[in-house]
N, C-alpha and C. Protein backbone atom coordinates (compact mmCIF):
# COMPACT_ATOMS: atom_id res chain seq x y z
N MET A 1 149.28 27.31 -0.57
CA MET A 1 149.85 27.57 0.70
C MET A 1 148.80 28.33 1.79
N LYS A 2 148.22 29.34 0.99
CA LYS A 2 147.03 30.35 1.89
C LYS A 2 146.11 29.27 2.43
N GLU A 3 145.81 28.23 1.49
CA GLU A 3 144.82 27.37 2.12
C GLU A 3 145.12 26.54 3.11
N ASN A 4 146.58 26.05 3.43
CA ASN A 4 147.00 25.28 4.44
C ASN A 4 147.19 25.73 5.46
N MET A 5 147.49 27.00 5.55
CA MET A 5 147.51 28.06 6.68
C MET A 5 146.10 28.05 7.21
N THR A 6 145.21 28.57 6.35
CA THR A 6 143.73 28.74 6.84
C THR A 6 143.11 27.12 7.68
N LYS A 7 143.49 26.05 7.20
CA LYS A 7 143.30 24.87 7.53
C LYS A 7 144.20 24.73 9.31
N GLU A 8 145.15 25.10 9.06
CA GLU A 8 146.08 24.94 10.28
C GLU A 8 145.62 25.97 11.39
N MET A 9 145.08 27.12 11.07
CA MET A 9 144.76 28.06 12.21
C MET A 9 143.95 27.75 13.24
N PRO A 10 143.02 26.91 13.52
CA PRO A 10 142.18 26.54 14.53
C PRO A 10 143.47 25.40 15.47
N MET A 11 144.19 24.88 14.92
CA MET A 11 145.27 23.95 15.42
C MET A 11 146.44 24.65 16.27
N LEU A 12 146.92 25.98 14.96
CA LEU A 12 147.66 26.88 15.76
C LEU A 12 147.26 27.45 16.98
N LEU A 13 145.76 28.14 17.16
CA LEU A 13 145.25 28.75 18.26
C LEU A 13 145.28 27.86 19.62
N LEU A 14 144.77 26.68 19.47
CA LEU A 14 144.67 25.45 20.20
C LEU A 14 145.84 25.10 20.96
N LEU A 15 146.92 25.58 19.99
CA LEU A 15 148.28 25.52 20.37
C LEU A 15 148.72 26.66 21.46
N LEU A 16 148.43 27.45 21.15
CA LEU A 16 148.87 29.17 21.51
C LEU A 16 147.57 29.46 22.77
N LEU A 17 146.57 28.63 22.98
CA LEU A 17 145.83 28.90 24.11
C LEU A 17 146.55 28.81 25.37
N PRO A 18 146.88 27.65 25.86
CA PRO A 18 147.49 27.46 26.99
C PRO A 18 148.77 28.40 27.51
N TYR A 19 149.53 28.97 26.21
CA TYR A 19 150.28 29.83 26.57
C TYR A 19 149.73 30.86 27.16
N ILE A 20 148.66 31.58 26.52
CA ILE A 20 148.11 32.61 26.56
C ILE A 20 147.45 32.86 28.22
N VAL A 21 146.78 31.74 28.54
CA VAL A 21 146.39 31.33 29.84
C VAL A 21 147.38 31.22 30.75
N ILE A 22 148.61 30.81 30.50
CA ILE A 22 149.63 30.47 31.60
C ILE A 22 150.07 32.08 32.04
N LEU A 23 150.21 33.02 30.75
CA LEU A 23 150.64 34.44 30.61
C LEU A 23 150.01 35.20 31.79
N LEU A 24 148.50 34.76 31.58
CA LEU A 24 147.23 35.61 32.05
C LEU A 24 147.32 35.24 33.52
N LEU A 25 147.37 33.81 34.13
CA LEU A 25 147.21 33.58 35.05
C LEU A 25 148.70 33.24 35.98
N TRP A 26 149.65 33.72 35.79
CA TRP A 26 151.03 33.10 36.03
C TRP A 26 150.74 32.94 37.64
N ASN A 27 150.73 34.31 38.25
CA ASN A 27 150.80 34.70 39.44
C ASN A 27 149.92 33.81 40.51
N SER A 28 148.65 33.60 39.72
CA SER A 28 147.70 32.66 40.66
C SER A 28 147.97 31.23 40.42
N PHE A 29 148.94 30.82 40.02
CA PHE A 29 149.41 29.22 40.24
C PHE A 29 149.96 28.87 41.44
N PRO A 30 149.58 27.83 41.84
CA PRO A 30 150.61 27.39 43.13
C PRO A 30 151.87 27.06 42.84
N ASP A 31 152.78 27.40 43.94
CA ASP A 31 154.12 27.06 43.66
C ASP A 31 154.38 25.49 43.30
N PHE A 32 153.71 24.66 43.38
CA PHE A 32 153.79 23.58 43.08
C PHE A 32 152.82 22.93 42.30
N ILE A 33 153.07 22.14 41.23
CA ILE A 33 151.86 21.76 40.39
C ILE A 33 151.90 20.04 40.25
N PRO A 34 150.52 19.72 40.67
CA PRO A 34 150.70 18.43 40.38
C PRO A 34 150.55 17.75 38.90
N ILE A 35 151.46 16.30 38.97
CA ILE A 35 151.65 16.19 37.45
C ILE A 35 151.20 14.28 37.49
N HIS A 36 150.80 13.92 38.67
CA HIS A 36 150.60 12.79 38.90
C HIS A 36 149.14 12.23 40.02
N TRP A 37 148.31 11.42 39.30
CA TRP A 37 147.21 11.31 40.75
C TRP A 37 147.08 9.83 40.77
N SER A 38 146.99 9.41 41.98
CA SER A 38 146.76 8.16 42.13
C SER A 38 145.12 7.80 42.65
N MET A 39 144.63 6.69 42.53
CA MET A 39 143.25 6.38 42.58
C MET A 39 142.94 6.69 44.31
N GLU A 40 144.15 6.39 45.04
CA GLU A 40 143.83 6.28 46.62
C GLU A 40 144.04 7.62 47.18
N SER A 41 145.19 8.16 46.76
CA SER A 41 145.51 9.64 47.64
C SER A 41 145.35 10.77 46.78
N GLY A 42 144.86 10.86 45.58
CA GLY A 42 145.13 12.05 44.91
C GLY A 42 146.29 12.42 44.04
N ALA A 43 146.47 13.77 44.31
CA ALA A 43 147.92 14.13 43.44
C ALA A 43 149.03 13.43 44.49
N ASP A 44 149.69 12.74 43.79
CA ASP A 44 150.90 12.34 44.44
C ASP A 44 152.21 12.42 44.25
N ARG A 45 152.34 13.72 42.84
CA ARG A 45 153.69 14.02 42.63
C ARG A 45 153.41 15.32 42.12
N LEU A 46 154.48 16.25 42.58
CA LEU A 46 154.46 17.40 42.73
C LEU A 46 155.61 18.06 41.66
N VAL A 47 155.42 18.90 41.10
CA VAL A 47 156.65 19.82 40.42
C VAL A 47 156.41 21.27 40.52
N PRO A 48 157.84 21.87 40.35
CA PRO A 48 157.78 23.34 40.57
C PRO A 48 156.58 23.96 39.40
N LYS A 49 156.40 25.16 39.88
CA LYS A 49 155.39 26.02 38.85
C LYS A 49 155.58 26.03 37.46
N MET A 50 157.09 26.27 36.93
CA MET A 50 157.35 26.49 35.90
C MET A 50 157.42 25.29 34.81
N PRO A 51 158.12 24.22 35.13
CA PRO A 51 157.69 23.09 34.24
C PRO A 51 156.35 22.56 34.53
N GLY A 52 155.75 22.49 35.62
CA GLY A 52 154.61 21.94 35.70
C GLY A 52 153.58 22.61 34.86
N VAL A 53 153.29 23.77 34.65
CA VAL A 53 152.56 24.29 33.85
C VAL A 53 153.01 24.24 32.22
N LEU A 54 154.16 24.00 32.13
CA LEU A 54 154.61 24.07 30.54
C LEU A 54 154.75 22.63 30.20
N ILE A 55 154.88 21.62 30.94
CA ILE A 55 155.21 20.35 30.32
C ILE A 55 154.04 19.83 29.09
N VAL A 56 152.84 19.73 29.39
CA VAL A 56 151.75 19.23 28.49
C VAL A 56 151.74 20.35 27.38
N PRO A 57 151.91 21.79 27.40
CA PRO A 57 151.74 22.42 26.02
C PRO A 57 152.80 22.38 25.51
N SER A 58 154.17 22.16 25.88
CA SER A 58 155.14 21.88 25.09
C SER A 58 155.24 20.59 24.37
N LEU A 59 154.52 19.69 25.51
CA LEU A 59 154.73 18.39 24.45
C LEU A 59 153.83 18.19 23.23
N ASN A 60 152.45 19.27 23.67
CA ASN A 60 151.83 19.25 22.43
C ASN A 60 152.06 19.99 21.25
N VAL A 61 153.06 20.89 21.45
CA VAL A 61 153.65 21.64 20.12
C VAL A 61 154.75 20.71 19.53
N PHE A 62 155.31 19.83 20.41
CA PHE A 62 156.53 19.04 19.76
C PHE A 62 155.74 18.00 19.09
N ILE A 63 154.55 17.31 19.58
CA ILE A 63 154.08 16.29 18.80
C ILE A 63 153.42 16.64 17.06
N TYR A 64 152.98 18.00 17.57
CA TYR A 64 152.08 18.67 16.33
C TYR A 64 153.39 18.84 15.53
N LEU A 65 154.47 19.24 15.82
CA LEU A 65 155.77 19.57 14.85
C LEU A 65 156.10 18.08 14.08
N LEU A 66 156.11 17.12 14.93
CA LEU A 66 156.56 15.96 14.64
C LEU A 66 155.40 15.14 13.57
N PHE A 67 154.11 15.53 14.02
CA PHE A 67 153.01 15.10 12.87
C PHE A 67 153.14 15.91 11.56
N LEU A 68 153.64 16.94 11.60
CA LEU A 68 154.02 18.01 10.29
C LEU A 68 155.11 17.22 9.64
N ALA A 69 156.14 16.73 10.21
CA ALA A 69 157.40 16.13 9.88
C ALA A 69 157.16 14.67 9.23
N ILE A 70 156.34 14.16 9.86
CA ILE A 70 156.47 12.85 9.41
C ILE A 70 156.32 12.51 8.27
N PRO A 71 155.43 13.00 7.45
CA PRO A 71 155.38 12.87 5.78
C PRO A 71 156.54 13.36 5.03
N ARG A 72 156.99 14.29 5.45
CA ARG A 72 158.45 14.76 4.77
C ARG A 72 159.54 13.80 4.89
N ILE A 73 159.45 13.52 6.11
CA ILE A 73 160.83 12.45 6.62
C ILE A 73 160.63 11.12 5.87
N ASP A 74 159.65 10.62 5.79
CA ASP A 74 159.20 9.15 5.76
C ASP A 74 159.01 9.15 3.98
N LYS A 75 159.76 8.59 3.24
CA LYS A 75 159.93 8.36 1.94
C LYS A 75 158.71 7.45 1.07
N ARG A 76 158.53 6.51 2.46
CA ARG A 76 157.37 5.34 1.66
C ARG A 76 156.07 5.86 1.54
N TRP A 77 155.90 7.10 1.98
CA TRP A 77 154.66 7.82 2.23
C TRP A 77 154.19 8.23 0.75
N LYS A 78 154.22 7.63 -0.12
CA LYS A 78 154.28 7.83 -1.79
C LYS A 78 152.55 8.57 -1.87
N GLU A 79 151.93 7.47 -1.25
CA GLU A 79 150.40 7.76 -1.42
C GLU A 79 149.73 8.66 -0.55
N PHE A 80 150.50 9.41 0.13
CA PHE A 80 150.03 10.86 1.55
C PHE A 80 149.08 11.18 1.03
N ASN A 81 148.56 11.58 -0.11
CA ASN A 81 147.52 12.56 -0.71
C ASN A 81 146.20 11.31 -0.29
N LEU A 82 146.46 10.08 -0.68
CA LEU A 82 145.04 9.54 -0.38
C LEU A 82 144.40 9.43 0.81
N PHE A 83 145.24 9.69 2.04
CA PHE A 83 144.57 9.96 3.06
C PHE A 83 145.23 11.23 3.98
N LYS A 84 145.46 12.24 3.28
CA LYS A 84 145.77 13.32 3.73
C LYS A 84 145.04 14.39 4.70
N ASN A 85 143.49 13.98 4.08
CA ASN A 85 142.57 14.38 5.12
C ASN A 85 142.25 14.07 6.54
N LYS A 86 142.42 12.39 5.96
CA LYS A 86 142.17 11.79 7.61
C LYS A 86 143.41 12.14 8.36
N TYR A 87 144.83 12.15 7.85
CA TYR A 87 145.73 12.34 8.81
C TYR A 87 145.67 13.86 9.47
N TYR A 88 144.92 14.83 8.62
CA TYR A 88 144.53 16.09 9.10
C TYR A 88 143.73 16.09 10.64
N TRP A 89 142.71 15.23 10.45
CA TRP A 89 142.00 15.05 11.25
C TRP A 89 142.37 14.23 12.81
N VAL A 90 143.17 13.34 12.37
CA VAL A 90 144.01 12.71 13.32
C VAL A 90 145.06 13.94 14.36
N ARG A 91 145.75 14.72 13.60
CA ARG A 91 146.75 15.72 14.00
C ARG A 91 145.59 16.40 14.61
N PHE A 92 144.44 16.71 14.43
CA PHE A 92 143.37 17.62 15.01
C PHE A 92 142.79 17.30 16.08
N GLY A 93 142.84 15.93 16.10
CA GLY A 93 142.33 15.13 17.26
C GLY A 93 143.19 15.09 18.59
N VAL A 94 144.44 15.04 18.13
CA VAL A 94 145.69 15.15 18.97
C VAL A 94 145.79 16.28 20.00
N VAL A 95 145.81 17.36 19.10
CA VAL A 95 146.01 18.90 19.54
C VAL A 95 144.94 19.03 20.71
N ILE A 96 143.47 18.87 20.14
CA ILE A 96 142.23 19.02 20.97
C ILE A 96 142.80 17.96 22.42
N PHE A 97 142.96 16.83 22.10
CA PHE A 97 142.96 16.05 23.31
C PHE A 97 144.12 16.37 24.44
N MET A 98 145.41 16.74 23.75
CA MET A 98 146.12 17.31 24.80
C MET A 98 146.03 18.81 25.24
N THR A 99 145.22 19.46 24.50
CA THR A 99 144.70 20.91 25.17
C THR A 99 143.61 20.49 26.34
N LEU A 100 142.63 19.43 26.07
CA LEU A 100 142.22 19.04 27.10
C LEU A 100 142.50 18.59 28.33
N ILE A 101 143.49 17.90 28.20
CA ILE A 101 144.37 17.10 29.17
C ILE A 101 145.09 18.34 29.93
N TRP A 102 145.57 19.18 29.29
CA TRP A 102 145.95 20.29 30.08
C TRP A 102 145.16 21.23 30.99
N GLY A 103 144.21 21.39 30.27
CA GLY A 103 143.01 22.07 30.89
C GLY A 103 142.47 21.05 32.19
N ALA A 104 142.43 20.17 31.97
CA ALA A 104 141.79 19.46 33.07
C ALA A 104 142.90 18.97 34.03
N THR A 105 144.18 19.55 34.00
CA THR A 105 145.16 19.41 35.14
C THR A 105 145.34 20.59 35.67
N ILE A 106 144.98 21.83 35.21
CA ILE A 106 144.95 23.07 35.18
C ILE A 106 143.75 23.58 36.12
N LEU A 107 142.79 23.30 35.52
CA LEU A 107 141.23 23.75 36.17
C LEU A 107 141.10 23.84 37.38
N PRO A 108 141.39 22.47 37.98
CA PRO A 108 140.97 22.26 39.63
C PRO A 108 141.72 23.02 40.50
N MET A 109 142.95 23.85 39.89
CA MET A 109 143.79 24.61 40.93
C MET A 109 142.76 26.00 40.81
N PHE A 110 141.51 26.25 40.00
CA PHE A 110 141.08 27.56 40.44
C PHE A 110 139.72 27.25 40.81
N LEU A 111 139.44 26.07 40.94
CA LEU A 111 137.90 25.60 41.72
C LEU A 111 138.03 25.94 42.92
């Protein structure tokens, strides 16, 4: 159990990082956050600050929890231990990707 928590710690820190940034920079965020961009005109869909900064981090946490639940839910995964390490790296990759996507949407607001 302790080994599992040590292995999960980097992912948990990445999941927590956006929330820490949100708390620290809340007053610096604009009132409306872009959530969709077009090739022609740049940001073409804006949402209020609260859901705008929380959509991607919350989706990231949901996907992380879903990935944790899938092996326990699917009874056909009898041979899960054969690819448990690969599954870990897929989960880690998704967490990193979603964190980077969030950062890429938030960072331009402060440049």
